[in-house]
Amino acid sequence: MTEEIFRDDAYARTCEARVVSADEAGIELDRTVFYYNSGGQPGDTGTLTTQDGRAVEITDCRMDRASGRHLHVPAEGAPALAAGDAVTAAIDWDRRHRLMRMHTLLHLICAVVDAEITGCQIGEEKSRIDLNTEGKPDKELIQSKLDEMVARDLPTEAQWITDAELAAKPDLVKTMSVAPPTGMGKVRLMAVEGVDLQPCGGTHVARIGEIGRVRVGKIENKGKHNRRINVHLED
């Protein structure tokens, strides 16, 4: 199983790794800083560079659900790698950091609007979160609350609880669309100090002040009990 360095250090930009397998589905490494597409957060992009200088552009990172392989998807025409090759894995950090800012921002919206999550999509410039609520959320109130929280620059922290502890605290689960991964004995939580706590395997900023200036965009009606809140990074 691939060692997922980003779980413990979202700020790790590079690592030394070895190719475990490489086929038409993608390249599997023994360890990686590349986040794979899950939880609404896109997979990382970047490069794998061999010791002899071959650079393999990575356009996506995915998890093969059937096999559990953590796959780095190379660009068409990229140099071929083989099992045993030593590489330096490097993510596109500017892109990843924007996605981290956005992901943490969506957690702040969960703290402002008390409703279950029905879906989300994280992007570099624009993201959205769908919430199970009947009334239309107050756009101006959400904007002011987000501005206030970002200005407080609260720290975030990854925490771990057992499957049993999560089962005993169902209120921690805020999403209706995707159940948190269980069965491994423990579940990762992401905490924003005094504001939000929920299961999440994504990458986040260390302090919410890093999010910077944000703008709440359209709030759309996507069904009887489904409201979509769009948000944008302003820098």
Protein backbone atom coordinates (compact mmCIF):
# COMPACT_ATOMS: atom_id res chain seq x y z
CA MET A 1 0.00 0.00 0.00
CA THR A 2 1.29 3.46 -0.89
CA GLU A 3 2.53 5.61 2.00
CA GLU A 4 0.40 8.77 1.72
CA ILE A 5 2.65 11.53 3.00
CA PHE A 6 -0.01 14.21 2.48
CA ARG A 7 -2.13 12.67 5.26
CA ASP A 8 0.33 13.86 7.89
CA ASP A 9 1.94 16.76 6.04
CA ALA A 10 -0.20 18.66 3.54
CA TYR A 11 2.72 21.03 2.95
CA ALA A 12 5.12 18.37 1.67
CA ARG A 13 5.80 19.27 -1.96
CA THR A 14 8.25 16.55 -2.97
CA CYS A 15 9.43 13.11 -1.90
CA GLU A 16 11.74 10.37 -3.06
CA ALA A 17 9.87 7.24 -4.14
CA ARG A 18 10.14 4.02 -6.08
CA VAL A 19 7.79 2.73 -8.77
CA VAL A 20 5.78 -0.29 -7.61
CA SER A 21 3.92 -0.83 -10.87
CA ALA A 22 3.24 1.02 -14.12
CA ASP A 23 0.56 0.08 -16.66
CA GLU A 24 -2.20 1.64 -18.76
CA ALA A 25 -4.13 2.59 -15.60
CA GLY A 26 -1.30 4.65 -14.13
CA ILE A 27 1.86 4.62 -12.03
CA GLU A 28 1.86 3.28 -8.47
CA LEU A 29 4.58 4.46 -6.08
CA ASP A 30 5.65 3.10 -2.70
CA ARG A 31 5.16 6.59 -1.21
CA THR A 32 3.77 9.87 -2.53
CA VAL A 33 2.90 13.49 -1.86
CA PHE A 34 0.15 13.36 -4.54
CA TYR A 35 -3.41 13.54 -3.21
CA TYR A 36 -5.84 11.36 -5.15
CA ASN A 37 -9.26 12.57 -6.32
CA SER A 38 -11.76 12.09 -3.47
CA GLY A 39 -14.19 13.97 -1.26
CA GLY A 40 -14.78 16.60 -3.93
CA GLN A 41 -11.08 17.55 -4.04
CA PRO A 42 -9.33 16.94 -7.39
CA GLY A 43 -6.24 14.79 -7.64
CA ASP A 44 -2.88 16.53 -7.69
CA THR A 45 -0.85 17.24 -10.80
CA GLY A 46 2.93 17.53 -11.07
CA THR A 47 5.93 15.48 -12.22
CA LEU A 48 7.84 12.28 -11.53
CA THR A 49 11.51 12.72 -12.37
CA THR A 50 13.87 9.75 -12.71
CA GLN A 51 17.50 9.72 -11.63
CA ASP A 52 18.59 9.92 -15.26
CA GLY A 53 16.54 13.09 -15.82
CA ARG A 54 13.39 11.78 -17.50
CA ALA A 55 10.40 13.89 -16.45
CA VAL A 56 6.94 12.33 -16.47
CA GLU A 57 4.14 14.88 -16.35
CA ILE A 58 1.28 13.74 -14.07
CA THR A 59 -2.13 15.09 -15.09
CA ASP A 60 -4.25 13.45 -12.38
CA CYS A 61 -4.06 11.16 -9.37
CA ARG A 62 -6.77 8.58 -8.67
CA MET A 63 -7.58 5.69 -6.39
CA ASP A 64 -8.48 2.42 -8.11
CA ARG A 65 -11.36 1.34 -5.90
CA ALA A 66 -11.19 -2.30 -6.93
CA SER A 67 -7.50 -2.83 -6.14
CA GLY A 68 -6.82 0.05 -3.74
CA ARG A 69 -3.92 1.22 -5.93
CA HIS A 70 -2.98 4.91 -5.66
CA LEU A 71 -2.42 5.79 -9.33
CA HIS A 72 -0.54 8.72 -10.87
CA VAL A 73 -1.88 9.31 -14.38
CA PRO A 74 0.83 10.34 -16.87
CA ALA A 75 0.33 12.74 -19.77
CA GLU A 76 -0.06 11.18 -23.19
CA GLY A 77 3.35 10.52 -24.70
CA ALA A 78 5.22 10.83 -21.38
CA PRO A 79 8.34 8.65 -20.88
CA ALA A 80 7.51 5.13 -19.70
CA LEU A 81 8.44 4.04 -16.18
CA ALA A 82 8.95 0.52 -14.88
CA ALA A 83 8.72 -1.18 -11.52
CA GLY A 84 11.81 -0.43 -9.47
CA ASP A 85 12.55 2.98 -11.00
CA ALA A 86 13.59 5.59 -8.42
CA VAL A 87 11.82 8.95 -8.88
CA THR A 88 11.39 12.32 -7.27
CA ALA A 89 7.66 13.07 -6.98
CA ALA A 90 6.78 16.78 -7.04
CA ILE A 91 3.31 18.29 -6.98
CA ASP A 92 2.16 21.53 -8.60
CA TRP A 93 2.26 23.37 -5.28
CA ASP A 94 0.50 26.58 -6.33
CA ARG A 95 -2.49 24.57 -7.56
CA ARG A 96 -2.53 22.32 -4.48
CA HIS A 97 -2.39 25.26 -2.07
CA ARG A 98 -5.38 26.90 -3.75
CA LEU A 99 -7.29 23.62 -3.41
CA MET A 100 -6.30 23.45 0.27
CA ARG A 101 -7.58 26.98 0.83
CA MET A 102 -10.84 26.12 -0.90
CA HIS A 103 -11.34 22.85 0.99
CA THR A 104 -10.92 24.54 4.36
CA LEU A 105 -13.26 27.32 3.22
CA LEU A 106 -16.02 24.77 2.57
CA HIS A 107 -15.58 23.46 6.13
CA LEU A 108 -16.14 27.00 7.39
CA ILE A 109 -19.40 27.19 5.44
CA CYS A 110 -20.50 24.02 7.26
CA ALA A 111 -19.96 25.92 10.50
CA VAL A 112 -22.04 28.86 9.28
CA VAL A 113 -24.96 26.93 7.73
CA ASP A 114 -26.26 24.13 9.94
CA ALA A 115 -27.27 21.57 7.31
CA GLU A 116 -26.14 18.21 6.00
CA ILE A 117 -23.87 18.17 2.95
CA THR A 118 -25.35 16.57 -0.18
CA GLY A 119 -22.34 17.20 -2.42
CA CYS A 120 -19.39 19.43 -3.12
CA GLN A 121 -16.82 20.23 -5.78
CA ILE A 122 -13.52 21.95 -5.08
CA GLY A 123 -11.79 24.04 -7.74
CA GLU A 124 -8.86 26.43 -7.94
CA GLU A 125 -10.96 29.54 -8.58
CA LYS A 126 -14.50 28.49 -7.74
CA SER A 127 -15.98 25.82 -5.49
CA ARG A 128 -19.46 24.83 -4.46
CA ILE A 129 -21.14 23.01 -1.62
CA ASP A 130 -24.68 21.59 -1.72
CA LEU A 131 -26.62 21.58 1.53
CA ASN A 132 -29.84 19.89 2.60
CA THR A 133 -31.83 22.89 3.75
CA GLU A 134 -35.33 24.08 2.93
CA GLY A 135 -34.89 27.83 3.27
CA LYS A 136 -32.53 29.94 1.20
CA PRO A 137 -29.31 30.68 3.12
CA ASP A 138 -28.58 34.37 3.77
CA LYS A 139 -25.77 35.29 1.39
CA GLU A 140 -24.74 38.47 3.20
CA LEU A 141 -24.68 36.70 6.56
CA ILE A 142 -22.53 33.88 5.17
CA GLN A 143 -20.11 36.42 3.68
CA SER A 144 -19.77 38.37 6.92
CA LYS A 145 -19.31 35.21 9.02
CA LEU A 146 -16.65 33.86 6.67
CA ASP A 147 -14.79 37.19 6.66
CA GLU A 148 -14.90 37.25 10.44
CA MET A 149 -13.58 33.69 10.83
CA VAL A 150 -10.78 34.10 8.27
CA ALA A 151 -9.68 37.28 10.06
CA ARG A 152 -9.41 35.31 13.33
CA ASP A 153 -6.80 33.05 11.68
CA LEU A 154 -7.76 29.98 13.71
CA PRO A 155 -5.56 26.87 13.53
CA THR A 156 -6.67 23.60 11.98
CA GLU A 157 -5.66 20.15 13.19
CA ALA A 158 -6.03 16.58 12.00
CA GLN A 159 -7.32 14.23 14.68
CA TRP A 160 -7.99 10.50 14.72
CA ILE A 161 -10.77 8.51 16.37
CA THR A 162 -11.68 4.83 16.25
CA ASP A 163 -14.50 3.43 14.13
CA ALA A 164 -16.37 2.69 17.34
CA GLU A 165 -15.99 6.27 18.58
CA LEU A 166 -17.34 7.60 15.29
CA ALA A 167 -20.29 5.22 15.44
CA ALA A 168 -21.05 6.56 18.92
CA LYS A 169 -20.95 10.15 17.63
CA PRO A 170 -23.03 10.15 14.43
CA ASP A 171 -23.45 13.94 14.59
CA LEU A 172 -19.82 14.29 13.48
CA VAL A 173 -20.80 13.03 10.03
CA LYS A 174 -22.12 15.98 8.04
CA THR A 175 -22.32 14.50 4.57
CA MET A 176 -25.30 12.59 3.19
CA SER A 177 -23.63 11.68 -0.11
CA VAL A 178 -20.42 9.93 0.98
CA ALA A 179 -19.86 7.96 4.17
CA PRO A 180 -16.49 8.44 5.88
CA PRO A 181 -14.08 5.55 5.29
CA THR A 182 -14.29 2.97 8.07
CA GLY A 183 -13.07 -0.57 8.47
CA MET A 184 -9.40 0.32 9.03
CA GLY A 185 -9.86 0.82 12.76
CA LYS A 186 -9.56 4.59 12.78
CA VAL A 187 -11.02 7.63 11.02
CA ARG A 188 -9.36 10.99 10.35
CA LEU A 189 -11.14 14.14 11.51
CA MET A 190 -10.33 17.70 10.52
CA ALA A 191 -10.82 20.31 13.24
CA VAL A 192 -11.01 24.08 12.91
CA GLU A 193 -10.42 25.18 16.48
CA GLY A 194 -13.73 25.90 18.18
CA VAL A 195 -15.59 26.11 14.86
CA ASP A 196 -15.89 22.82 13.01
CA LEU A 197 -15.06 19.12 13.42
CA GLN A 198 -15.89 16.45 10.85
CA PRO A 199 -14.42 13.37 9.14
CA CYS A 200 -12.22 14.36 6.20
CA GLY A 201 -9.26 12.86 4.39
CA GLY A 202 -8.45 15.95 2.31
CA THR A 203 -5.63 18.47 2.53
CA HIS A 204 -6.14 21.71 4.46
CA VAL A 205 -4.30 24.89 5.36
CA ALA A 206 -2.67 25.01 8.80
CA ARG A 207 -4.38 28.28 9.73
CA ILE A 208 -7.56 29.64 8.16
CA GLY A 209 -6.01 33.07 7.62
CA GLU A 210 -4.22 31.44 4.66
CA ILE A 211 -7.56 31.24 2.86
CA GLY A 212 -7.39 34.96 2.16
CA ARG A 213 -10.13 37.08 0.59
CA VAL A 214 -13.22 35.16 -0.50
CA ARG A 215 -16.48 36.02 -2.21
CA VAL A 216 -19.77 34.20 -1.79
CA GLY A 217 -21.30 33.83 -5.24
CA LYS A 218 -24.68 32.54 -6.36
CA ILE A 219 -26.89 30.56 -4.01
CA GLU A 220 -28.89 28.23 -6.22
CA ASN A 221 -31.98 26.11 -5.71
CA LYS A 222 -31.12 22.55 -6.75
CA GLY A 223 -34.20 20.80 -5.39
CA LYS A 224 -36.82 20.99 -2.67
CA HIS A 225 -34.27 20.67 0.12
CA ASN A 226 -31.03 21.31 -1.75
CA ARG A 227 -29.24 24.68 -1.90
CA ARG A 228 -25.94 25.20 -3.70
CA ILE A 229 -23.54 27.83 -2.34
CA ASN A 230 -20.82 28.96 -4.76
CA VAL A 231 -17.64 30.56 -3.41
CA HIS A 232 -14.63 32.19 -5.06
CA LEU A 233 -11.07 33.02 -4.04
CA GLU A 234 -10.37 36.70 -4.65
CA ASP A 235 -6.58 36.48 -4.91
